[in-house]
Amino acid sequence: MAIQEKLYTVDDLWAMESDPAFENRYFYLIDGRLFEDAMPGRIHGRLAIKIGRYLDEYAETHNLGEATVEVGFHPHESRYTAMLPDVAFQRFENLPDPPPEGYVPRMPDLAVEIQSPTDSRKKLLRKAQAYLENGTALVWLVQPQQRVVEVCRSRDDSGIHSDLLGPGDKLSGEDILPGFELDVSKLFDAVHRE
């Protein structure tokens, strides 16, 4: 007899995060499967705030949208996937109005995931795939130990196309944040110098 694993929904996830028994735990869903992330450390937190600041300042200056940190998103058409990017950006025309009380019912235009020491590259790519399959146009996988950022986009054959950027390279906002550029070395030097 087959045993079916429970499929979790956004509502289940919201109930867990509202339960004091799950305080300080980070969860996300991909196709109804529940995953847990480790609590972020210092370098992770510093990178998130720096990336968020760079994105937010540029977006405000150019009136493009808003950057957020640690906000939950799910695709409007699915209640079985919910992601919690370390940093996200949404263009104004893609923001729900009025703002929701819970998770945003639309995936971000840009999602940033910062690798923790316990994260494998396979885990990061699984997250990137979930974002891209559900409407996110651009994903940055920040890998602090290697001092690189893997930039992921969807390919026509449903796969992921990625470029690895290191010192001397610049992150680009592409069509999401036109004109935005950030030196990869500036990002990591600022975090590791402190």
N, C-alpha and C. Protein backbone atom coordinates (compact mmCIF):
# COMPACT_ATOMS: atom_id res chain seq x y z
N MET A 1 0.84 -1.18 0.00
CA MET A 1 0.00 0.00 0.00
C MET A 1 0.88 1.24 0.00
N ALA A 2 0.63 2.14 -0.92
CA ALA A 2 1.42 3.37 -1.01
C ALA A 2 0.97 4.36 0.06
N ILE A 3 1.93 5.03 0.61
CA ILE A 3 1.64 6.08 1.59
C ILE A 3 1.89 7.41 0.91
N GLN A 4 0.88 8.24 0.88
CA GLN A 4 1.03 9.53 0.24
C GLN A 4 1.52 10.56 1.23
N GLU A 5 2.56 11.25 0.85
CA GLU A 5 3.10 12.32 1.66
C GLU A 5 2.13 13.50 1.61
N LYS A 6 1.98 14.19 2.73
CA LYS A 6 1.09 15.36 2.78
C LYS A 6 1.62 16.44 1.86
N LEU A 7 0.74 17.03 1.08
CA LEU A 7 1.09 18.20 0.28
C LEU A 7 0.72 19.44 1.08
N TYR A 8 1.68 20.30 1.30
CA TYR A 8 1.46 21.52 2.07
C TYR A 8 1.03 22.64 1.14
N THR A 9 0.28 23.59 1.70
CA THR A 9 -0.15 24.76 0.94
C THR A 9 0.38 26.02 1.62
N VAL A 10 0.18 27.13 0.96
CA VAL A 10 0.55 28.43 1.52
C VAL A 10 -0.16 28.64 2.85
N ASP A 11 -1.41 28.19 2.95
CA ASP A 11 -2.16 28.36 4.20
C ASP A 11 -1.54 27.55 5.33
N ASP A 12 -1.06 26.33 5.04
CA ASP A 12 -0.38 25.51 6.05
C ASP A 12 0.89 26.22 6.52
N LEU A 13 1.62 26.76 5.57
CA LEU A 13 2.87 27.44 5.90
C LEU A 13 2.62 28.67 6.76
N TRP A 14 1.61 29.43 6.41
CA TRP A 14 1.26 30.62 7.20
C TRP A 14 0.87 30.22 8.63
N ALA A 15 0.12 29.15 8.78
CA ALA A 15 -0.27 28.67 10.11
C ALA A 15 0.95 28.25 10.93
N MET A 16 1.90 27.57 10.27
CA MET A 16 3.13 27.16 10.97
C MET A 16 3.93 28.37 11.43
N GLU A 17 4.07 29.37 10.55
CA GLU A 17 4.86 30.53 10.90
C GLU A 17 4.18 31.38 11.96
N SER A 18 2.88 31.25 12.12
CA SER A 18 2.15 31.97 13.16
C SER A 18 2.15 31.22 14.48
N ASP A 19 2.61 29.98 14.48
CA ASP A 19 2.62 29.12 15.67
C ASP A 19 3.93 29.34 16.44
N PRO A 20 3.85 29.69 17.73
CA PRO A 20 5.07 29.90 18.53
C PRO A 20 6.01 28.68 18.55
N ALA A 21 5.48 27.51 18.30
CA ALA A 21 6.32 26.30 18.29
C ALA A 21 7.33 26.34 17.13
N PHE A 22 7.06 27.13 16.11
CA PHE A 22 7.95 27.22 14.95
C PHE A 22 8.71 28.55 14.89
N GLU A 23 8.75 29.25 16.01
CA GLU A 23 9.43 30.55 16.06
C GLU A 23 10.91 30.40 15.65
N ASN A 24 11.38 31.37 14.90
CA ASN A 24 12.77 31.41 14.42
C ASN A 24 13.13 30.25 13.51
N ARG A 25 12.16 29.71 12.81
CA ARG A 25 12.41 28.67 11.80
C ARG A 25 11.93 29.20 10.46
N TYR A 26 12.66 28.85 9.41
CA TYR A 26 12.40 29.38 8.08
C TYR A 26 12.01 28.23 7.15
N PHE A 27 10.81 28.33 6.57
CA PHE A 27 10.29 27.29 5.70
C PHE A 27 9.96 27.85 4.32
N TYR A 28 9.95 26.97 3.34
CA TYR A 28 9.46 27.31 2.01
C TYR A 28 8.85 26.06 1.40
N LEU A 29 8.03 26.27 0.35
CA LEU A 29 7.33 25.17 -0.32
C LEU A 29 7.68 25.14 -1.79
N ILE A 30 7.88 23.95 -2.32
CA ILE A 30 8.00 23.76 -3.76
C ILE A 30 7.09 22.60 -4.13
N ASP A 31 6.07 22.89 -4.91
CA ASP A 31 5.11 21.88 -5.35
C ASP A 31 4.53 21.07 -4.19
N GLY A 32 4.23 21.75 -3.10
CA GLY A 32 3.60 21.10 -1.95
C GLY A 32 4.57 20.43 -0.99
N ARG A 33 5.85 20.38 -1.32
CA ARG A 33 6.87 19.79 -0.43
C ARG A 33 7.44 20.87 0.48
N LEU A 34 7.50 20.57 1.76
CA LEU A 34 7.98 21.51 2.76
C LEU A 34 9.48 21.37 2.94
N PHE A 35 10.19 22.49 2.91
CA PHE A 35 11.63 22.53 3.14
C PHE A 35 11.92 23.54 4.24
N GLU A 36 13.01 23.31 4.96
CA GLU A 36 13.41 24.24 6.01
C GLU A 36 14.81 24.76 5.72
N ASP A 37 14.99 26.06 5.94
CA ASP A 37 16.30 26.69 5.80
C ASP A 37 16.91 26.90 7.18
N ALA A 38 18.24 26.92 7.23
CA ALA A 38 18.94 27.22 8.47
C ALA A 38 18.79 28.71 8.78
N MET A 39 18.89 29.05 10.06
CA MET A 39 18.84 30.45 10.45
C MET A 39 20.06 31.16 9.87
N PRO A 40 19.88 32.35 9.30
CA PRO A 40 20.99 33.06 8.69
C PRO A 40 22.05 33.47 9.71
N GLY A 41 23.30 33.48 9.26
CA GLY A 41 24.41 33.93 10.09
C GLY A 41 24.78 35.37 9.76
N ARG A 42 25.87 35.85 10.33
CA ARG A 42 26.29 37.24 10.19
C ARG A 42 26.58 37.63 8.74
N ILE A 43 27.41 36.85 8.05
CA ILE A 43 27.76 37.20 6.68
C ILE A 43 26.52 37.20 5.79
N HIS A 44 25.69 36.22 5.99
CA HIS A 44 24.41 36.12 5.26
C HIS A 44 23.59 37.39 5.48
N GLY A 45 23.45 37.78 6.73
CA GLY A 45 22.66 38.97 7.06
C GLY A 45 23.24 40.25 6.50
N ARG A 46 24.57 40.37 6.56
CA ARG A 46 25.23 41.57 6.02
C ARG A 46 25.05 41.65 4.50
N LEU A 47 25.19 40.52 3.83
CA LEU A 47 25.00 40.52 2.38
C LEU A 47 23.56 40.89 2.01
N ALA A 48 22.61 40.34 2.74
CA ALA A 48 21.20 40.63 2.46
C ALA A 48 20.90 42.12 2.61
N ILE A 49 21.40 42.72 3.68
CA ILE A 49 21.10 44.13 3.89
C ILE A 49 21.81 45.01 2.86
N LYS A 50 23.03 44.63 2.48
CA LYS A 50 23.75 45.42 1.48
C LYS A 50 23.08 45.31 0.10
N ILE A 51 22.76 44.10 -0.31
CA ILE A 51 22.10 43.93 -1.61
C ILE A 51 20.76 44.65 -1.60
N GLY A 52 20.00 44.48 -0.53
CA GLY A 52 18.71 45.16 -0.41
C GLY A 52 18.85 46.67 -0.49
N ARG A 53 19.88 47.21 0.17
CA ARG A 53 20.10 48.66 0.16
C ARG A 53 20.44 49.14 -1.25
N TYR A 54 21.36 48.43 -1.93
CA TYR A 54 21.72 48.83 -3.29
C TYR A 54 20.50 48.82 -4.22
N LEU A 55 19.72 47.74 -4.14
CA LEU A 55 18.54 47.63 -4.99
C LEU A 55 17.50 48.70 -4.66
N ASP A 56 17.27 48.90 -3.36
CA ASP A 56 16.25 49.85 -2.93
C ASP A 56 16.62 51.28 -3.32
N GLU A 57 17.88 51.65 -3.10
CA GLU A 57 18.30 53.01 -3.46
C GLU A 57 18.15 53.25 -4.97
N TYR A 58 18.56 52.28 -5.76
CA TYR A 58 18.45 52.44 -7.21
C TYR A 58 16.98 52.51 -7.64
N ALA A 59 16.17 51.62 -7.09
CA ALA A 59 14.74 51.59 -7.44
C ALA A 59 14.04 52.88 -7.05
N GLU A 60 14.36 53.41 -5.88
CA GLU A 60 13.74 54.67 -5.46
C GLU A 60 14.17 55.83 -6.35
N THR A 61 15.46 55.90 -6.63
CA THR A 61 15.99 56.98 -7.46
C THR A 61 15.34 56.98 -8.84
N HIS A 62 15.07 55.80 -9.38
CA HIS A 62 14.52 55.69 -10.73
C HIS A 62 13.03 55.35 -10.76
N ASN A 63 12.40 55.36 -9.59
CA ASN A 63 10.95 55.13 -9.48
C ASN A 63 10.52 53.84 -10.20
N LEU A 64 11.20 52.73 -9.85
CA LEU A 64 10.97 51.46 -10.56
C LEU A 64 10.14 50.44 -9.79
N GLY A 65 10.23 50.46 -8.46
CA GLY A 65 9.55 49.43 -7.68
C GLY A 65 10.09 49.41 -6.27
N GLU A 66 9.99 48.23 -5.62
CA GLU A 66 10.47 48.15 -4.24
C GLU A 66 11.26 46.88 -3.99
N ALA A 67 12.27 47.03 -3.14
CA ALA A 67 13.07 45.91 -2.69
C ALA A 67 12.58 45.50 -1.31
N THR A 68 12.61 44.20 -1.04
CA THR A 68 12.21 43.69 0.26
C THR A 68 13.22 42.64 0.72
N VAL A 69 13.21 42.38 2.01
CA VAL A 69 14.06 41.37 2.61
C VAL A 69 13.18 40.42 3.41
N GLU A 70 13.38 39.10 3.20
CA GLU A 70 12.66 38.07 3.96
C GLU A 70 11.15 38.19 3.89
N VAL A 71 10.61 38.42 2.70
CA VAL A 71 9.17 38.47 2.48
C VAL A 71 8.76 37.23 1.71
N GLY A 72 7.65 36.62 2.08
CA GLY A 72 7.16 35.43 1.40
C GLY A 72 6.38 35.77 0.14
N PHE A 73 6.59 34.96 -0.90
CA PHE A 73 5.91 35.13 -2.19
C PHE A 73 5.36 33.78 -2.63
N HIS A 74 4.22 33.81 -3.31
CA HIS A 74 3.72 32.59 -3.94
C HIS A 74 3.08 32.97 -5.26
N PRO A 75 3.09 32.04 -6.23
CA PRO A 75 2.45 32.34 -7.51
C PRO A 75 0.95 32.51 -7.32
N HIS A 76 0.37 33.46 -8.01
CA HIS A 76 -1.06 33.73 -7.88
C HIS A 76 -1.90 32.49 -8.18
N GLU A 77 -1.45 31.70 -9.15
CA GLU A 77 -2.25 30.56 -9.61
C GLU A 77 -1.97 29.27 -8.82
N SER A 78 -1.05 29.31 -7.86
CA SER A 78 -0.73 28.09 -7.11
C SER A 78 -0.62 28.37 -5.62
N ARG A 79 -1.18 27.48 -4.83
CA ARG A 79 -1.07 27.59 -3.37
C ARG A 79 -0.09 26.54 -2.84
N TYR A 80 0.66 25.88 -3.74
CA TYR A 80 1.57 24.81 -3.34
C TYR A 80 3.05 25.19 -3.42
N THR A 81 3.34 26.41 -3.81
CA THR A 81 4.71 26.89 -3.84
C THR A 81 4.74 28.23 -3.13
N ALA A 82 5.65 28.37 -2.19
CA ALA A 82 5.85 29.64 -1.48
C ALA A 82 7.33 29.77 -1.17
N MET A 83 7.91 30.87 -1.61
CA MET A 83 9.34 31.08 -1.45
C MET A 83 9.59 32.28 -0.53
N LEU A 84 10.72 32.25 0.13
CA LEU A 84 11.11 33.31 1.05
C LEU A 84 12.51 33.79 0.66
N PRO A 85 12.61 34.60 -0.41
CA PRO A 85 13.93 35.04 -0.84
C PRO A 85 14.60 35.92 0.21
N ASP A 86 15.92 35.84 0.25
CA ASP A 86 16.67 36.69 1.18
C ASP A 86 16.46 38.16 0.82
N VAL A 87 16.45 38.45 -0.47
CA VAL A 87 16.16 39.80 -0.98
C VAL A 87 15.33 39.61 -2.24
N ALA A 88 14.40 40.53 -2.45
CA ALA A 88 13.57 40.46 -3.66
C ALA A 88 13.32 41.87 -4.18
N PHE A 89 12.99 41.94 -5.45
CA PHE A 89 12.59 43.21 -6.05
C PHE A 89 11.36 42.97 -6.90
N GLN A 90 10.39 43.89 -6.78
CA GLN A 90 9.20 43.86 -7.64
C GLN A 90 9.00 45.23 -8.26
N ARG A 91 8.75 45.22 -9.56
CA ARG A 91 8.44 46.47 -10.26
C ARG A 91 7.07 46.95 -9.79
N PHE A 92 6.87 48.26 -9.78
CA PHE A 92 5.61 48.82 -9.30
C PHE A 92 4.40 48.22 -9.99
N GLU A 93 4.48 48.00 -11.31
CA GLU A 93 3.32 47.49 -12.03
C GLU A 93 2.98 46.05 -11.64
N ASN A 94 3.87 45.39 -10.94
CA ASN A 94 3.63 44.00 -10.53
C ASN A 94 3.30 43.86 -9.04
N LEU A 95 3.22 44.97 -8.34
CA LEU A 95 2.88 44.93 -6.92
C LEU A 95 1.37 44.80 -6.74
N PRO A 96 0.92 43.93 -5.84
CA PRO A 96 -0.53 43.83 -5.60
C PRO A 96 -1.05 45.09 -4.90
N ASP A 97 -2.25 45.48 -5.27
CA ASP A 97 -2.87 46.65 -4.66
C ASP A 97 -4.26 46.28 -4.20
N PRO A 98 -4.56 46.35 -2.93
CA PRO A 98 -3.72 46.81 -1.83
C PRO A 98 -2.69 45.75 -1.44
N PRO A 99 -1.64 46.16 -0.71
CA PRO A 99 -0.64 45.19 -0.25
C PRO A 99 -1.28 44.12 0.63
N PRO A 100 -0.93 42.86 0.44
CA PRO A 100 -1.53 41.79 1.25
C PRO A 100 -0.98 41.79 2.67
N GLU A 101 -1.75 41.22 3.57
CA GLU A 101 -1.30 41.06 4.96
C GLU A 101 -0.29 39.93 5.08
N GLY A 102 -0.46 38.90 4.29
CA GLY A 102 0.42 37.73 4.35
C GLY A 102 1.42 37.72 3.21
N TYR A 103 1.58 36.55 2.63
CA TYR A 103 2.52 36.41 1.52
C TYR A 103 2.03 37.19 0.30
N VAL A 104 2.96 37.64 -0.50
CA VAL A 104 2.63 38.36 -1.73
C VAL A 104 2.16 37.32 -2.76
N PRO A 105 0.95 37.49 -3.33
CA PRO A 105 0.43 36.49 -4.27
C PRO A 105 0.96 36.67 -5.69
N ARG A 106 2.23 36.84 -5.81
CA ARG A 106 2.92 36.95 -7.10
C ARG A 106 4.40 36.79 -6.81
N MET A 107 5.10 36.08 -7.65
CA MET A 107 6.53 35.89 -7.44
C MET A 107 7.27 37.20 -7.76
N PRO A 108 8.41 37.43 -7.10
CA PRO A 108 9.15 38.67 -7.36
C PRO A 108 9.74 38.66 -8.77
N ASP A 109 10.03 39.85 -9.27
CA ASP A 109 10.68 39.95 -10.57
C ASP A 109 12.14 39.51 -10.49
N LEU A 110 12.78 39.84 -9.37
CA LEU A 110 14.16 39.44 -9.09
C LEU A 110 14.18 38.82 -7.71
N ALA A 111 14.77 37.63 -7.59
CA ALA A 111 14.93 36.96 -6.30
C ALA A 111 16.42 36.75 -6.04
N VAL A 112 16.83 36.99 -4.80
CA VAL A 112 18.22 36.80 -4.40
C VAL A 112 18.25 35.77 -3.28
N GLU A 113 19.02 34.72 -3.48
CA GLU A 113 19.23 33.71 -2.45
C GLU A 113 20.72 33.73 -2.09
N ILE A 114 21.00 33.81 -0.79
CA ILE A 114 22.37 33.84 -0.30
C ILE A 114 22.69 32.48 0.31
N GLN A 115 23.75 31.87 -0.15
CA GLN A 115 24.12 30.53 0.30
C GLN A 115 24.63 30.58 1.73
N SER A 116 24.02 29.74 2.58
CA SER A 116 24.51 29.54 3.93
C SER A 116 25.54 28.42 3.91
N PRO A 117 26.38 28.31 4.94
CA PRO A 117 27.39 27.24 4.96
C PRO A 117 26.79 25.84 4.82
N THR A 118 25.54 25.65 5.23
CA THR A 118 24.91 24.33 5.15
C THR A 118 24.19 24.09 3.82
N ASP A 119 24.13 25.10 2.95
CA ASP A 119 23.43 24.96 1.66
C ASP A 119 24.34 24.37 0.59
N SER A 120 23.82 23.43 -0.15
CA SER A 120 24.54 22.89 -1.30
C SER A 120 24.17 23.70 -2.54
N ARG A 121 24.98 23.60 -3.57
CA ARG A 121 24.65 24.27 -4.83
C ARG A 121 23.37 23.67 -5.40
N LYS A 122 23.18 22.36 -5.20
CA LYS A 122 21.96 21.70 -5.69
C LYS A 122 20.72 22.33 -5.05
N LYS A 123 20.79 22.63 -3.77
CA LYS A 123 19.66 23.27 -3.08
C LYS A 123 19.40 24.65 -3.67
N LEU A 124 20.46 25.42 -3.90
CA LEU A 124 20.29 26.75 -4.49
C LEU A 124 19.65 26.66 -5.87
N LEU A 125 20.10 25.71 -6.68
CA LEU A 125 19.54 25.57 -8.03
C LEU A 125 18.09 25.10 -7.98
N ARG A 126 17.73 24.28 -6.99
CA ARG A 126 16.32 23.86 -6.83
C ARG A 126 15.46 25.09 -6.56
N LYS A 127 15.95 25.99 -5.72
CA LYS A 127 15.21 27.22 -5.45
C LYS A 127 15.12 28.08 -6.70
N ALA A 128 16.24 28.25 -7.41
CA ALA A 128 16.23 29.06 -8.64
C ALA A 128 15.22 28.52 -9.62
N GLN A 129 15.18 27.21 -9.79
CA GLN A 129 14.23 26.58 -10.71
C GLN A 129 12.79 26.89 -10.30
N ALA A 130 12.51 26.81 -8.99
CA ALA A 130 11.15 27.09 -8.50
C ALA A 130 10.76 28.54 -8.78
N TYR A 131 11.67 29.46 -8.55
CA TYR A 131 11.38 30.87 -8.86
C TYR A 131 11.08 31.04 -10.35
N LEU A 132 11.99 30.55 -11.18
CA LEU A 132 11.88 30.76 -12.62
C LEU A 132 10.65 30.09 -13.22
N GLU A 133 10.29 28.92 -12.73
CA GLU A 133 9.11 28.22 -13.23
C GLU A 133 7.81 28.91 -12.83
N ASN A 134 7.88 29.78 -11.82
CA ASN A 134 6.67 30.40 -11.29
C ASN A 134 6.60 31.90 -11.52
N GLY A 135 7.39 32.42 -12.46
CA GLY A 135 7.22 33.81 -12.85
C GLY A 135 8.35 34.77 -12.56
N THR A 136 9.33 34.38 -11.79
CA THR A 136 10.47 35.26 -11.53
C THR A 136 11.35 35.28 -12.79
N ALA A 137 11.79 36.46 -13.18
CA ALA A 137 12.57 36.60 -14.42
C ALA A 137 14.06 36.41 -14.20
N LEU A 138 14.55 36.76 -13.00
CA LEU A 138 15.99 36.78 -12.75
C LEU A 138 16.25 36.34 -11.32
N VAL A 139 17.23 35.45 -11.15
CA VAL A 139 17.60 34.97 -9.82
C VAL A 139 19.11 35.12 -9.65
N TRP A 140 19.52 35.71 -8.52
CA TRP A 140 20.93 35.80 -8.17
C TRP A 140 21.19 34.84 -7.02
N LEU A 141 22.10 33.89 -7.22
CA LEU A 141 22.52 32.96 -6.18
C LEU A 141 23.87 33.44 -5.68
N VAL A 142 23.88 34.03 -4.51
CA VAL A 142 25.08 34.64 -3.94
C VAL A 142 25.82 33.58 -3.12
N GLN A 143 27.09 33.36 -3.48
CA GLN A 143 27.88 32.32 -2.83
C GLN A 143 29.09 32.96 -2.14
N PRO A 144 28.93 33.33 -0.86
CA PRO A 144 29.96 34.11 -0.17
C PRO A 144 31.32 33.43 -0.04
N GLN A 145 31.35 32.13 0.20
CA GLN A 145 32.63 31.45 0.38
C GLN A 145 33.47 31.48 -0.90
N GLN A 146 32.83 31.39 -2.03
CA GLN A 146 33.53 31.44 -3.32
C GLN A 146 33.64 32.87 -3.85
N ARG A 147 32.92 33.80 -3.22
CA ARG A 147 32.87 35.20 -3.66
C ARG A 147 32.40 35.32 -5.11
N VAL A 148 31.34 34.59 -5.42
CA VAL A 148 30.74 34.63 -6.75
C VAL A 148 29.23 34.76 -6.63
N VAL A 149 28.62 35.22 -7.72
CA VAL A 149 27.17 35.28 -7.83
C VAL A 149 26.80 34.55 -9.11
N GLU A 150 25.92 33.56 -8.98
CA GLU A 150 25.43 32.84 -10.15
C GLU A 150 24.11 33.50 -10.57
N VAL A 151 24.09 34.01 -11.79
CA VAL A 151 22.92 34.70 -12.31
C VAL A 151 22.13 33.70 -13.15
N CYS A 152 20.87 33.45 -12.75
CA CYS A 152 20.05 32.42 -13.41
C CYS A 152 18.86 33.04 -14.12
N ARG A 153 18.59 32.49 -15.31
CA ARG A 153 17.44 32.86 -16.12
C ARG A 153 16.84 31.59 -16.70
N SER A 154 15.58 31.65 -17.11
CA SER A 154 14.95 30.50 -17.76
C SER A 154 15.50 30.33 -19.16
N ARG A 155 15.61 29.07 -19.58
CA ARG A 155 15.94 28.75 -20.97
C ARG A 155 14.67 28.33 -21.66
N ASP A 156 14.69 28.34 -22.98
CA ASP A 156 13.51 27.95 -23.75
C ASP A 156 13.10 26.50 -23.52
N ASP A 157 14.06 25.63 -23.17
CA ASP A 157 13.76 24.21 -22.97
C ASP A 157 13.41 23.88 -21.52
N SER A 158 12.96 24.87 -20.77
CA SER A 158 12.55 24.71 -19.37
C SER A 158 13.72 24.51 -18.42
N GLY A 159 14.91 24.62 -18.88
CA GLY A 159 16.06 24.51 -18.00
C GLY A 159 16.48 25.88 -17.49
N ILE A 160 17.63 25.89 -16.83
CA ILE A 160 18.19 27.13 -16.30
C ILE A 160 19.45 27.47 -17.07
N HIS A 161 19.56 28.71 -17.47
CA HIS A 161 20.81 29.23 -18.03
C HIS A 161 21.44 30.06 -16.92
N SER A 162 22.71 29.81 -16.61
CA SER A 162 23.35 30.60 -15.56
C SER A 162 24.72 31.07 -16.00
N ASP A 163 25.09 32.21 -15.46
CA ASP A 163 26.41 32.80 -15.65
C ASP A 163 27.02 33.01 -14.27
N LEU A 164 28.28 32.65 -14.13
CA LEU A 164 28.98 32.82 -12.86
C LEU A 164 29.80 34.10 -12.92
N LEU A 165 29.52 35.02 -11.99
CA LEU A 165 30.22 36.30 -11.93
C LEU A 165 31.09 36.35 -10.69
N GLY A 166 32.30 36.81 -10.86
CA GLY A 166 33.23 36.92 -9.75
C GLY A 166 33.85 38.30 -9.70
N PRO A 167 34.95 38.45 -8.94
CA PRO A 167 35.63 39.74 -8.85
C PRO A 167 35.97 40.25 -10.25
N GLY A 168 35.72 41.53 -10.45
CA GLY A 168 35.94 42.14 -11.76
C GLY A 168 34.71 42.15 -12.63
N ASP A 169 33.69 41.38 -12.26
CA ASP A 169 32.43 41.35 -13.01
C ASP A 169 31.42 42.27 -12.34
N LYS A 170 30.35 42.60 -13.08
CA LYS A 170 29.28 43.44 -12.55
C LYS A 170 27.95 42.71 -12.66
N LEU A 171 27.19 42.77 -11.58
CA LEU A 171 25.81 42.30 -11.62
C LEU A 171 24.99 43.34 -12.37
N SER A 172 24.06 42.89 -13.16
CA SER A 172 23.20 43.79 -13.93
C SER A 172 21.74 43.55 -13.56
N GLY A 173 20.99 44.64 -13.54
CA GLY A 173 19.55 44.53 -13.31
C GLY A 173 18.79 44.11 -14.55
N GLU A 174 19.50 44.01 -15.66
CA GLU A 174 18.92 43.60 -16.95
C GLU A 174 17.63 44.36 -17.23
N ASP A 175 16.58 43.69 -17.69
CA ASP A 175 15.32 44.37 -18.01
C ASP A 175 14.51 44.70 -16.76
N ILE A 176 14.84 44.07 -15.65
CA ILE A 176 14.09 44.27 -14.40
C ILE A 176 14.42 45.62 -13.78
N LEU A 177 15.70 45.94 -13.69
CA LEU A 177 16.19 47.21 -13.16
C LEU A 177 17.13 47.81 -14.20
N PRO A 178 16.60 48.37 -15.28
CA PRO A 178 17.46 48.86 -16.35
C PRO A 178 18.50 49.87 -15.84
N GLY A 179 19.74 49.63 -16.23
CA GLY A 179 20.84 50.52 -15.85
C GLY A 179 21.51 50.18 -14.53
N PHE A 180 20.91 49.30 -13.73
CA PHE A 180 21.51 48.95 -12.44
C PHE A 180 22.74 48.08 -12.67
N GLU A 181 23.84 48.44 -12.00
CA GLU A 181 25.06 47.63 -12.02
C GLU A 181 25.67 47.64 -10.63
N LEU A 182 26.26 46.52 -10.25
CA LEU A 182 26.92 46.40 -8.96
C LEU A 182 28.16 45.54 -9.13
N ASP A 183 29.32 46.10 -8.76
CA ASP A 183 30.57 45.34 -8.81
C ASP A 183 30.49 44.19 -7.81
N VAL A 184 30.73 42.99 -8.27
CA VAL A 184 30.70 41.82 -7.39
C VAL A 184 31.75 41.96 -6.29
N SER A 185 32.94 42.45 -6.63
CA SER A 185 33.99 42.60 -5.62
C SER A 185 33.59 43.59 -4.54
N LYS A 186 32.88 44.65 -4.91
CA LYS A 186 32.42 45.64 -3.93
C LYS A 186 31.48 45.00 -2.91
N LEU A 187 30.64 44.12 -3.40
CA LEU A 187 29.69 43.43 -2.54
C LEU A 187 30.42 42.57 -1.50
N PHE A 188 31.36 41.75 -1.95
CA PHE A 188 32.04 40.84 -1.02
C PHE A 188 33.12 41.52 -0.20
N ASP A 189 33.84 42.47 -0.77
CA ASP A 189 34.88 43.18 0.00
C ASP A 189 34.29 43.89 1.19
N ALA A 190 33.12 44.50 1.02
CA ALA A 190 32.46 45.23 2.11
C ALA A 190 32.07 44.29 3.25
N VAL A 191 31.67 43.09 2.94
CA VAL A 191 31.22 42.15 3.96
C VAL A 191 32.40 41.48 4.67
N HIS A 192 33.42 41.10 3.94
CA HIS A 192 34.54 40.37 4.52
C HIS A 192 35.56 41.28 5.20
N ARG A 193 35.52 42.57 4.91
CA ARG A 193 36.47 43.52 5.48
C ARG A 193 36.13 43.85 6.93
N GLU A 194 34.86 43.78 7.27
CA GLU A 194 34.39 44.25 8.57
C GLU A 194 34.78 43.33 9.70
